[in-house]
Amino acid sequence: MAKITINNIAYDADNMSDQAKQQLNMLQITEAEIARLEAQLAIAQTAKIAYARALEKALPVSKEGLVLHS
C-alpha cells in the first residue's frame, strides 16, 4: 500500500482508479525526465565554463593584461 500525497492529501495508490494510476505514472516519468534534463544542463554549463577558460588562455595577452586583436 503505497501512500501518495497530493495537495496535502494522502492517497492509497493501490486504490486509485486506472486513470489516476496512469496519470500518476506519467507524472513520475515526467519528473524523472526533468531531473535528467537538469543534469544535462548542469553538464553543459560546466563545459561552457571550461571552454571559456580555455579560450581565454588561448588568446594573446599584452603586458598590460589586455587582449590583443590581430
C-alpha atoms as a PDB file:
ATOM      1  CA  MET A   1       0.000   0.000   0.000  1.00  0.00           C
ATOM      2  CA  ALA A   2       1.928   2.979  -1.298  1.00  0.00           C
ATOM      3  CA  LYS A   3       0.760   6.306   0.026  1.00  0.00           C
ATOM      4  CA  ILE A   4       0.893   9.273  -2.337  1.00  0.00           C
ATOM      5  CA  THR A   5       0.413  12.815  -1.033  1.00  0.00           C
ATOM      6  CA  ILE A   6      -1.043  15.373  -3.431  1.00  0.00           C
ATOM      7  CA  ASN A   7      -2.058  18.845  -2.242  1.00  0.00           C
ATOM      8  CA  ASN A   8      -1.533  17.737   1.367  1.00  0.00           C
ATOM      9  CA  ILE A   9      -3.980  14.841   0.961  1.00  0.00           C
ATOM     10  CA  ALA A  10      -2.710  11.257   1.335  1.00  0.00           C
ATOM     11  CA  TYR A  11      -4.000   8.701  -1.163  1.00  0.00           C
ATOM     12  CA  ASP A  12      -3.578   4.936  -1.239  1.00  0.00           C
ATOM     13  CA  ALA A  13      -2.107   4.326  -4.695  1.00  0.00           C
ATOM     14  CA  ASP A  14      -3.430   0.767  -4.734  1.00  0.00           C
ATOM     15  CA  ASN A  15      -6.992   2.045  -4.501  1.00  0.00           C
ATOM     16  CA  MET A  16      -6.691   4.662  -7.256  1.00  0.00           C
ATOM     17  CA  SER A  17      -8.640   4.280 -10.475  1.00  0.00           C
ATOM     18  CA  ASP A  18      -6.763   3.034 -13.513  1.00  0.00           C
ATOM     19  CA  GLN A  19      -6.914   6.520 -14.984  1.00  0.00           C
ATOM     20  CA  ALA A  20      -5.458   8.055 -11.795  1.00  0.00           C
ATOM     21  CA  LYS A  21      -2.705   5.415 -11.741  1.00  0.00           C
ATOM     22  CA  GLN A  22      -1.881   6.205 -15.367  1.00  0.00           C
ATOM     23  CA  GLN A  23      -1.708   9.939 -14.643  1.00  0.00           C
ATOM     24  CA  LEU A  24       0.475   9.285 -11.581  1.00  0.00           C
ATOM     25  CA  ASN A  25       2.792   7.126 -13.682  1.00  0.00           C
ATOM     26  CA  MET A  26       3.071   9.848 -16.338  1.00  0.00           C
ATOM     27  CA  LEU A  27       3.772  12.437 -13.639  1.00  0.00           C
ATOM     28  CA  GLN A  28       6.583  10.277 -12.239  1.00  0.00           C
ATOM     29  CA  ILE A  29       8.045   9.756 -15.718  1.00  0.00           C
ATOM     30  CA  THR A  30       7.877  13.500 -16.370  1.00  0.00           C
ATOM     31  CA  GLU A  31       9.601  14.306 -13.080  1.00  0.00           C
ATOM     32  CA  ALA A  32      12.371  11.834 -13.923  1.00  0.00           C
ATOM     33  CA  GLU A  33      12.797  13.397 -17.374  1.00  0.00           C
ATOM     34  CA  ILE A  34      13.027  16.885 -15.864  1.00  0.00           C
ATOM     35  CA  ALA A  35      15.713  15.655 -13.462  1.00  0.00           C
ATOM     36  CA  ARG A  36      17.619  14.081 -16.375  1.00  0.00           C
ATOM     37  CA  LEU A  37      17.420  17.302 -18.397  1.00  0.00           C
ATOM     38  CA  GLU A  38      18.546  19.385 -15.410  1.00  0.00           C
ATOM     39  CA  ALA A  39      21.579  17.098 -15.050  1.00  0.00           C
ATOM     40  CA  GLN A  40      22.371  17.516 -18.756  1.00  0.00           C
ATOM     41  CA  LEU A  41      22.062  21.287 -18.398  1.00  0.00           C
ATOM     42  CA  ALA A  42      24.499  21.262 -15.475  1.00  0.00           C
ATOM     43  CA  ILE A  43      26.962  19.265 -17.582  1.00  0.00           C
ATOM     44  CA  ALA A  44      26.592  21.705 -20.493  1.00  0.00           C
ATOM     45  CA  GLN A  45      27.050  24.731 -18.219  1.00  0.00           C
ATOM     46  CA  THR A  46      30.213  23.192 -16.751  1.00  0.00           C
ATOM     47  CA  ALA A  47      31.560  22.536 -20.248  1.00  0.00           C
ATOM     48  CA  LYS A  48      30.741  26.107 -21.287  1.00  0.00           C
ATOM     49  CA  ILE A  49      32.794  27.473 -18.384  1.00  0.00           C
ATOM     50  CA  ALA A  50      35.699  25.171 -19.257  1.00  0.00           C
ATOM     51  CA  TYR A  51      35.618  26.231 -22.922  1.00  0.00           C
ATOM     52  CA  ALA A  52      35.506  29.911 -21.976  1.00  0.00           C
ATOM     53  CA  ARG A  53      38.534  29.476 -19.700  1.00  0.00           C
ATOM     54  CA  ALA A  54      40.401  27.563 -22.406  1.00  0.00           C
ATOM     55  CA  LEU A  55      39.592  30.327 -24.900  1.00  0.00           C
ATOM     56  CA  GLU A  56      40.934  32.971 -22.515  1.00  0.00           C
ATOM     57  CA  LYS A  57      44.188  31.025 -22.201  1.00  0.00           C
ATOM     58  CA  ALA A  58      44.448  30.655 -25.983  1.00  0.00           C
ATOM     59  CA  LEU A  59      44.157  34.394 -26.689  1.00  0.00           C
ATOM     60  CA  PRO A  60      47.300  36.525 -26.834  1.00  0.00           C
ATOM     61  CA  VAL A  61      47.670  38.997 -23.948  1.00  0.00           C
ATOM     62  CA  SER A  62      49.677  42.239 -23.835  1.00  0.00           C
ATOM     63  CA  LYS A  63      51.997  43.203 -20.990  1.00  0.00           C
ATOM     64  CA  GLU A  64      49.164  45.310 -19.551  1.00  0.00           C
ATOM     65  CA  GLY A  65      46.927  42.277 -19.436  1.00  0.00           C
ATOM     66  CA  LEU A  66      44.733  43.378 -22.341  1.00  0.00           C
ATOM     67  CA  VAL A  67      43.727  41.001 -25.071  1.00  0.00           C
ATOM     68  CA  LEU A  68      45.483  41.833 -28.328  1.00  0.00           C
ATOM     69  CA  HIS A  69      43.484  41.957 -31.532  1.00  0.00           C
ATOM     70  CA  SER A  70      45.029  40.756 -34.770  1.00  0.00           C
END
